[in-house]
Amino acid sequence: LSAISMESTQLTLPKHILDIWAIVLIILGTIVIMTLLVLCPATTVIIYRVWTHPMHHNGAE
């Protein structure tokens, strides 16, 4: 009876396709890529508007 219970506990454990460290690296890489996809267009627009904004130097000093 103990051999049957040992086999059933081994069968119920989930078998991961990848190691845990690989899953964590994939998740972190996905977070970094999604963050860059969100921030890069906004940063590009801000830089473009700063570069193309006309400078007003009316002798305010």
PDB file of N, CA and C in Angstrom:
ATOM      1  N   LEU A   1       0.829  -1.199   0.000  1.00  0.00           N
ATOM      2  CA  LEU A   1       0.000   0.000   0.000  1.00  0.00           C
ATOM      3  C   LEU A   1       0.867   1.256   0.000  1.00  0.00           C
ATOM      4  N   SER A   2       2.024   1.197   0.655  1.00  0.00           N
ATOM      5  CA  SER A   2       2.880   2.382   0.701  1.00  0.00           C
ATOM      6  C   SER A   2       3.505   2.658  -0.669  1.00  0.00           C
ATOM      7  N   ALA A   3       3.765   1.620  -1.451  1.00  0.00           N
ATOM      8  CA  ALA A   3       4.327   1.825  -2.789  1.00  0.00           C
ATOM      9  C   ALA A   3       3.307   2.511  -3.689  1.00  0.00           C
ATOM     10  N   ILE A   4       2.033   2.189  -3.538  1.00  0.00           N
ATOM     11  CA  ILE A   4       0.987   2.830  -4.347  1.00  0.00           C
ATOM     12  C   ILE A   4       0.856   4.303  -3.961  1.00  0.00           C
ATOM     13  N   SER A   5       0.926   4.599  -2.678  1.00  0.00           N
ATOM     14  CA  SER A   5       0.813   5.997  -2.253  1.00  0.00           C
ATOM     15  C   SER A   5       2.032   6.803  -2.705  1.00  0.00           C
ATOM     16  N   MET A   6       3.211   6.185  -2.733  1.00  0.00           N
ATOM     17  CA  MET A   6       4.408   6.884  -3.209  1.00  0.00           C
ATOM     18  C   MET A   6       4.285   7.196  -4.697  1.00  0.00           C
ATOM     19  N   GLU A   7       3.768   6.257  -5.485  1.00  0.00           N
ATOM     20  CA  GLU A   7       3.615   6.490  -6.920  1.00  0.00           C
ATOM     21  C   GLU A   7       2.572   7.564  -7.189  1.00  0.00           C
ATOM     22  N   SER A   8       1.495   7.582  -6.412  1.00  0.00           N
ATOM     23  CA  SER A   8       0.444   8.567  -6.652  1.00  0.00           C
ATOM     24  C   SER A   8       0.927   9.975  -6.312  1.00  0.00           C
ATOM     25  N   THR A   9       1.781  10.116  -5.297  1.00  0.00           N
ATOM     26  CA  THR A   9       2.297  11.449  -4.972  1.00  0.00           C
ATOM     27  C   THR A   9       3.274  11.923  -6.035  1.00  0.00           C
ATOM     28  N   GLN A  10       4.007  11.013  -6.632  1.00  0.00           N
ATOM     29  CA  GLN A  10       4.936  11.406  -7.688  1.00  0.00           C
ATOM     30  C   GLN A  10       4.185  11.785  -8.956  1.00  0.00           C
ATOM     31  N   LEU A  11       3.070  11.165  -9.214  1.00  0.00           N
ATOM     32  CA  LEU A  11       2.315  11.474 -10.424  1.00  0.00           C
ATOM     33  C   LEU A  11       1.564  12.795 -10.300  1.00  0.00           C
ATOM     34  N   THR A  12       1.223  13.203  -9.092  1.00  0.00           N
ATOM     35  CA  THR A  12       0.451  14.431  -8.929  1.00  0.00           C
ATOM     36  C   THR A  12       1.326  15.680  -8.977  1.00  0.00           C
ATOM     37  N   LEU A  13       2.638  15.533  -8.825  1.00  0.00           N
ATOM     38  CA  LEU A  13       3.504  16.702  -8.888  1.00  0.00           C
ATOM     39  C   LEU A  13       3.574  17.217 -10.327  1.00  0.00           C
ATOM     40  N   PRO A  14       3.431  18.528 -10.519  1.00  0.00           N
ATOM     41  CA  PRO A  14       3.463  19.061 -11.889  1.00  0.00           C
ATOM     42  C   PRO A  14       4.875  19.022 -12.458  1.00  0.00           C
ATOM     43  N   LYS A  15       4.973  18.650 -13.699  1.00  0.00           N
ATOM     44  CA  LYS A  15       6.260  18.621 -14.390  1.00  0.00           C
ATOM     45  C   LYS A  15       6.380  19.897 -15.209  1.00  0.00           C
ATOM     46  N   HIS A  16       7.366  20.721 -14.870  1.00  0.00           N
ATOM     47  CA  HIS A  16       7.554  21.978 -15.584  1.00  0.00           C
ATOM     48  C   HIS A  16       8.290  21.724 -16.894  1.00  0.00           C
ATOM     49  N   ILE A  17       7.861  22.413 -17.924  1.00  0.00           N
ATOM     50  CA  ILE A  17       8.540  22.292 -19.212  1.00  0.00           C
ATOM     51  C   ILE A  17       9.901  22.975 -19.134  1.00  0.00           C
ATOM     52  N   LEU A  18       9.925  24.166 -18.507  1.00  0.00           N
ATOM     53  CA  LEU A  18      11.173  24.898 -18.314  1.00  0.00           C
ATOM     54  C   LEU A  18      11.513  24.936 -16.831  1.00  0.00           C
ATOM     55  N   ASP A  19      12.769  25.251 -16.550  1.00  0.00           N
ATOM     56  CA  ASP A  19      13.163  25.435 -15.157  1.00  0.00           C
ATOM     57  C   ASP A  19      12.552  26.717 -14.618  1.00  0.00           C
ATOM     58  N   ILE A  20      12.537  26.823 -13.294  1.00  0.00           N
ATOM     59  CA  ILE A  20      11.942  27.997 -12.655  1.00  0.00           C
ATOM     60  C   ILE A  20      12.707  29.265 -13.035  1.00  0.00           C
ATOM     61  N   TRP A  21      14.043  29.194 -13.083  1.00  0.00           N
ATOM     62  CA  TRP A  21      14.830  30.383 -13.413  1.00  0.00           C
ATOM     63  C   TRP A  21      14.544  30.843 -14.830  1.00  0.00           C
ATOM     64  N   ALA A  22      14.290  29.919 -15.750  1.00  0.00           N
ATOM     65  CA  ALA A  22      13.975  30.300 -17.128  1.00  0.00           C
ATOM     66  C   ALA A  22      12.616  30.985 -17.195  1.00  0.00           C
ATOM     67  N   ILE A  23      11.657  30.500 -16.426  1.00  0.00           N
ATOM     68  CA  ILE A  23      10.329  31.125 -16.395  1.00  0.00           C
ATOM     69  C   ILE A  23      10.428  32.529 -15.819  1.00  0.00           C
ATOM     70  N   VAL A  24      11.222  32.700 -14.756  1.00  0.00           N
ATOM     71  CA  VAL A  24      11.392  34.025 -14.149  1.00  0.00           C
ATOM     72  C   VAL A  24      12.071  34.979 -15.126  1.00  0.00           C
ATOM     73  N   LEU A  25      13.083  34.501 -15.847  1.00  0.00           N
ATOM     74  CA  LEU A  25      13.759  35.352 -16.829  1.00  0.00           C
ATOM     75  C   LEU A  25      12.824  35.759 -17.959  1.00  0.00           C
ATOM     76  N   ILE A  26      11.973  34.853 -18.408  1.00  0.00           N
ATOM     77  CA  ILE A  26      11.019  35.180 -19.467  1.00  0.00           C
ATOM     78  C   ILE A  26      10.027  36.230 -18.981  1.00  0.00           C
ATOM     79  N   ILE A  27       9.554  36.082 -17.753  1.00  0.00           N
ATOM     80  CA  ILE A  27       8.603  37.058 -17.205  1.00  0.00           C
ATOM     81  C   ILE A  27       9.265  38.425 -17.062  1.00  0.00           C
ATOM     82  N   LEU A  28      10.483  38.474 -16.529  1.00  0.00           N
ATOM     83  CA  LEU A  28      11.180  39.754 -16.376  1.00  0.00           C
ATOM     84  C   LEU A  28      11.482  40.390 -17.730  1.00  0.00           C
ATOM     85  N   GLY A  29      11.887  39.582 -18.697  1.00  0.00           N
ATOM     86  CA  GLY A  29      12.136  40.111 -20.037  1.00  0.00           C
ATOM     87  C   GLY A  29      10.879  40.666 -20.671  1.00  0.00           C
ATOM     88  N   THR A  30       9.760  39.996 -20.461  1.00  0.00           N
ATOM     89  CA  THR A  30       8.488  40.486 -20.993  1.00  0.00           C
ATOM     90  C   THR A  30       8.104  41.810 -20.350  1.00  0.00           C
ATOM     91  N   ILE A  31       8.322  41.930 -19.043  1.00  0.00           N
ATOM     92  CA  ILE A  31       8.014  43.193 -18.356  1.00  0.00           C
ATOM     93  C   ILE A  31       8.880  44.321 -18.906  1.00  0.00           C
ATOM     94  N   VAL A  32      10.163  44.059 -19.119  1.00  0.00           N
ATOM     95  CA  VAL A  32      11.064  45.092 -19.643  1.00  0.00           C
ATOM     96  C   VAL A  32      10.658  45.499 -21.051  1.00  0.00           C
ATOM     97  N   ILE A  33      10.335  44.534 -21.906  1.00  0.00           N
ATOM     98  CA  ILE A  33       9.949  44.846 -23.285  1.00  0.00           C
ATOM     99  C   ILE A  33       8.652  45.634 -23.316  1.00  0.00           C
ATOM    100  N   MET A  34       7.668  45.239 -22.527  1.00  0.00           N
ATOM    101  CA  MET A  34       6.395  45.967 -22.507  1.00  0.00           C
ATOM    102  C   MET A  34       6.581  47.386 -21.970  1.00  0.00           C
ATOM    103  N   THR A  35       7.435  47.543 -20.966  1.00  0.00           N
ATOM    104  CA  THR A  35       7.700  48.882 -20.431  1.00  0.00           C
ATOM    105  C   THR A  35       8.354  49.763 -21.484  1.00  0.00           C
ATOM    106  N   LEU A  36       9.317  49.213 -22.216  1.00  0.00           N
ATOM    107  CA  LEU A  36       9.962  49.995 -23.271  1.00  0.00           C
ATOM    108  C   LEU A  36       8.988  50.345 -24.385  1.00  0.00           C
ATOM    109  N   LEU A  37       8.098  49.434 -24.734  1.00  0.00           N
ATOM    110  CA  LEU A  37       7.117  49.724 -25.780  1.00  0.00           C
ATOM    111  C   LEU A  37       6.165  50.832 -25.362  1.00  0.00           C
ATOM    112  N   VAL A  38       5.898  50.943 -24.073  1.00  0.00           N
ATOM    113  CA  VAL A  38       5.006  52.005 -23.594  1.00  0.00           C
ATOM    114  C   VAL A  38       5.758  53.329 -23.487  1.00  0.00           C
ATOM    115  N   LEU A  39       6.996  53.300 -22.978  1.00  0.00           N
ATOM    116  CA  LEU A  39       7.715  54.536 -22.682  1.00  0.00           C
ATOM    117  C   LEU A  39       8.432  55.138 -23.887  1.00  0.00           C
ATOM    118  N   CYS A  40       8.905  54.322 -24.822  1.00  0.00           N
ATOM    119  CA  CYS A  40       9.696  54.859 -25.931  1.00  0.00           C
ATOM    120  C   CYS A  40       8.912  55.804 -26.841  1.00  0.00           C
ATOM    121  N   PRO A  41       7.683  55.496 -27.256  1.00  0.00           N
ATOM    122  CA  PRO A  41       6.963  56.467 -28.091  1.00  0.00           C
ATOM    123  C   PRO A  41       6.719  57.787 -27.370  1.00  0.00           C
ATOM    124  N   ALA A  42       6.387  57.742 -26.087  1.00  0.00           N
ATOM    125  CA  ALA A  42       6.162  58.976 -25.333  1.00  0.00           C
ATOM    126  C   ALA A  42       7.458  59.774 -25.215  1.00  0.00           C
ATOM    127  N   THR A  43       8.564  59.104 -24.959  1.00  0.00           N
ATOM    128  CA  THR A  43       9.853  59.789 -24.866  1.00  0.00           C
ATOM    129  C   THR A  43      10.237  60.401 -26.203  1.00  0.00           C
ATOM    130  N   THR A  44       9.980  59.699 -27.291  1.00  0.00           N
ATOM    131  CA  THR A  44      10.286  60.221 -28.617  1.00  0.00           C
ATOM    132  C   THR A  44       9.478  61.473 -28.911  1.00  0.00           C
ATOM    133  N   VAL A  45       8.210  61.474 -28.551  1.00  0.00           N
ATOM    134  CA  VAL A  45       7.366  62.649 -28.771  1.00  0.00           C
ATOM    135  C   VAL A  45       7.857  63.819 -27.933  1.00  0.00           C
ATOM    136  N   ILE A  46       8.231  63.576 -26.688  1.00  0.00           N
ATOM    137  CA  ILE A  46       8.727  64.654 -25.826  1.00  0.00           C
ATOM    138  C   ILE A  46      10.020  65.237 -26.387  1.00  0.00           C
ATOM    139  N   ILE A  47      10.945  64.385 -26.803  1.00  0.00           N
ATOM    140  CA  ILE A  47      12.209  64.870 -27.372  1.00  0.00           C
ATOM    141  C   ILE A  47      11.949  65.658 -28.652  1.00  0.00           C
ATOM    142  N   TYR A  48      11.049  65.179 -29.502  1.00  0.00           N
ATOM    143  CA  TYR A  48      10.730  65.878 -30.747  1.00  0.00           C
ATOM    144  C   TYR A  48      10.153  67.256 -30.460  1.00  0.00           C
ATOM    145  N   ARG A  49       9.252  67.340 -29.499  1.00  0.00           N
ATOM    146  CA  ARG A  49       8.627  68.631 -29.184  1.00  0.00           C
ATOM    147  C   ARG A  49       9.616  69.590 -28.536  1.00  0.00           C
ATOM    148  N   VAL A  50      10.548  69.073 -27.749  1.00  0.00           N
ATOM    149  CA  VAL A  50      11.568  69.950 -27.157  1.00  0.00           C
ATOM    150  C   VAL A  50      12.496  70.478 -28.242  1.00  0.00           C
ATOM    151  N   TRP A  51      12.881  69.624 -29.190  1.00  0.00           N
ATOM    152  CA  TRP A  51      13.788  70.056 -30.245  1.00  0.00           C
ATOM    153  C   TRP A  51      13.126  71.040 -31.205  1.00  0.00           C
ATOM    154  N   THR A  52      11.864  70.837 -31.497  1.00  0.00           N
ATOM    155  CA  THR A  52      11.204  71.686 -32.491  1.00  0.00           C
ATOM    156  C   THR A  52      10.515  72.887 -31.867  1.00  0.00           C
ATOM    157  N   HIS A  53      10.530  73.004 -30.551  1.00  0.00           N
ATOM    158  CA  HIS A  53       9.884  74.147 -29.906  1.00  0.00           C
ATOM    159  C   HIS A  53      10.717  75.400 -30.156  1.00  0.00           C
ATOM    160  N   PRO A  54      10.085  76.458 -30.641  1.00  0.00           N
ATOM    161  CA  PRO A  54      10.864  77.686 -30.904  1.00  0.00           C
ATOM    162  C   PRO A  54      11.365  78.306 -29.599  1.00  0.00           C
ATOM    163  N   MET A  55      12.610  78.700 -29.619  1.00  0.00           N
ATOM    164  CA  MET A  55      13.201  79.321 -28.439  1.00  0.00           C
ATOM    165  C   MET A  55      12.788  80.788 -28.381  1.00  0.00           C
ATOM    166  N   HIS A  56      12.341  81.232 -27.225  1.00  0.00           N
ATOM    167  CA  HIS A  56      11.947  82.626 -27.037  1.00  0.00           C
ATOM    168  C   HIS A  56      12.951  83.292 -26.104  1.00  0.00           C
ATOM    169  N   HIS A  57      13.872  84.018 -26.692  1.00  0.00           N
ATOM    170  CA  HIS A  57      14.824  84.796 -25.904  1.00  0.00           C
ATOM    171  C   HIS A  57      14.515  86.260 -26.172  1.00  0.00           C
ATOM    172  N   ASN A  58      13.674  86.845 -25.350  1.00  0.00           N
ATOM    173  CA  ASN A  58      13.276  88.235 -25.534  1.00  0.00           C
ATOM    174  C   ASN A  58      14.033  89.158 -24.595  1.00  0.00           C
ATOM    175  N   GLY A  59      15.205  88.761 -24.190  1.00  0.00           N
ATOM    176  CA  GLY A  59      15.973  89.595 -23.287  1.00  0.00           C
ATOM    177  C   GLY A  59      15.354  89.667 -21.909  1.00  0.00           C
ATOM    178  N   ALA A  60      14.912  88.567 -21.390  1.00  0.00           N
ATOM    179  CA  ALA A  60      14.250  88.549 -20.091  1.00  0.00           C
ATOM    180  C   ALA A  60      15.252  88.677 -18.955  1.00  0.00           C
ATOM    181  N   GLU A  61      16.537  88.631 -19.258  1.00  0.00           N
ATOM    182  CA  GLU A  61      17.533  88.694 -18.195  1.00  0.00           C
ATOM    183  C   GLU A  61      17.750  90.110 -17.744  1.00  0.00           C
TER     184      GLU A  61
END
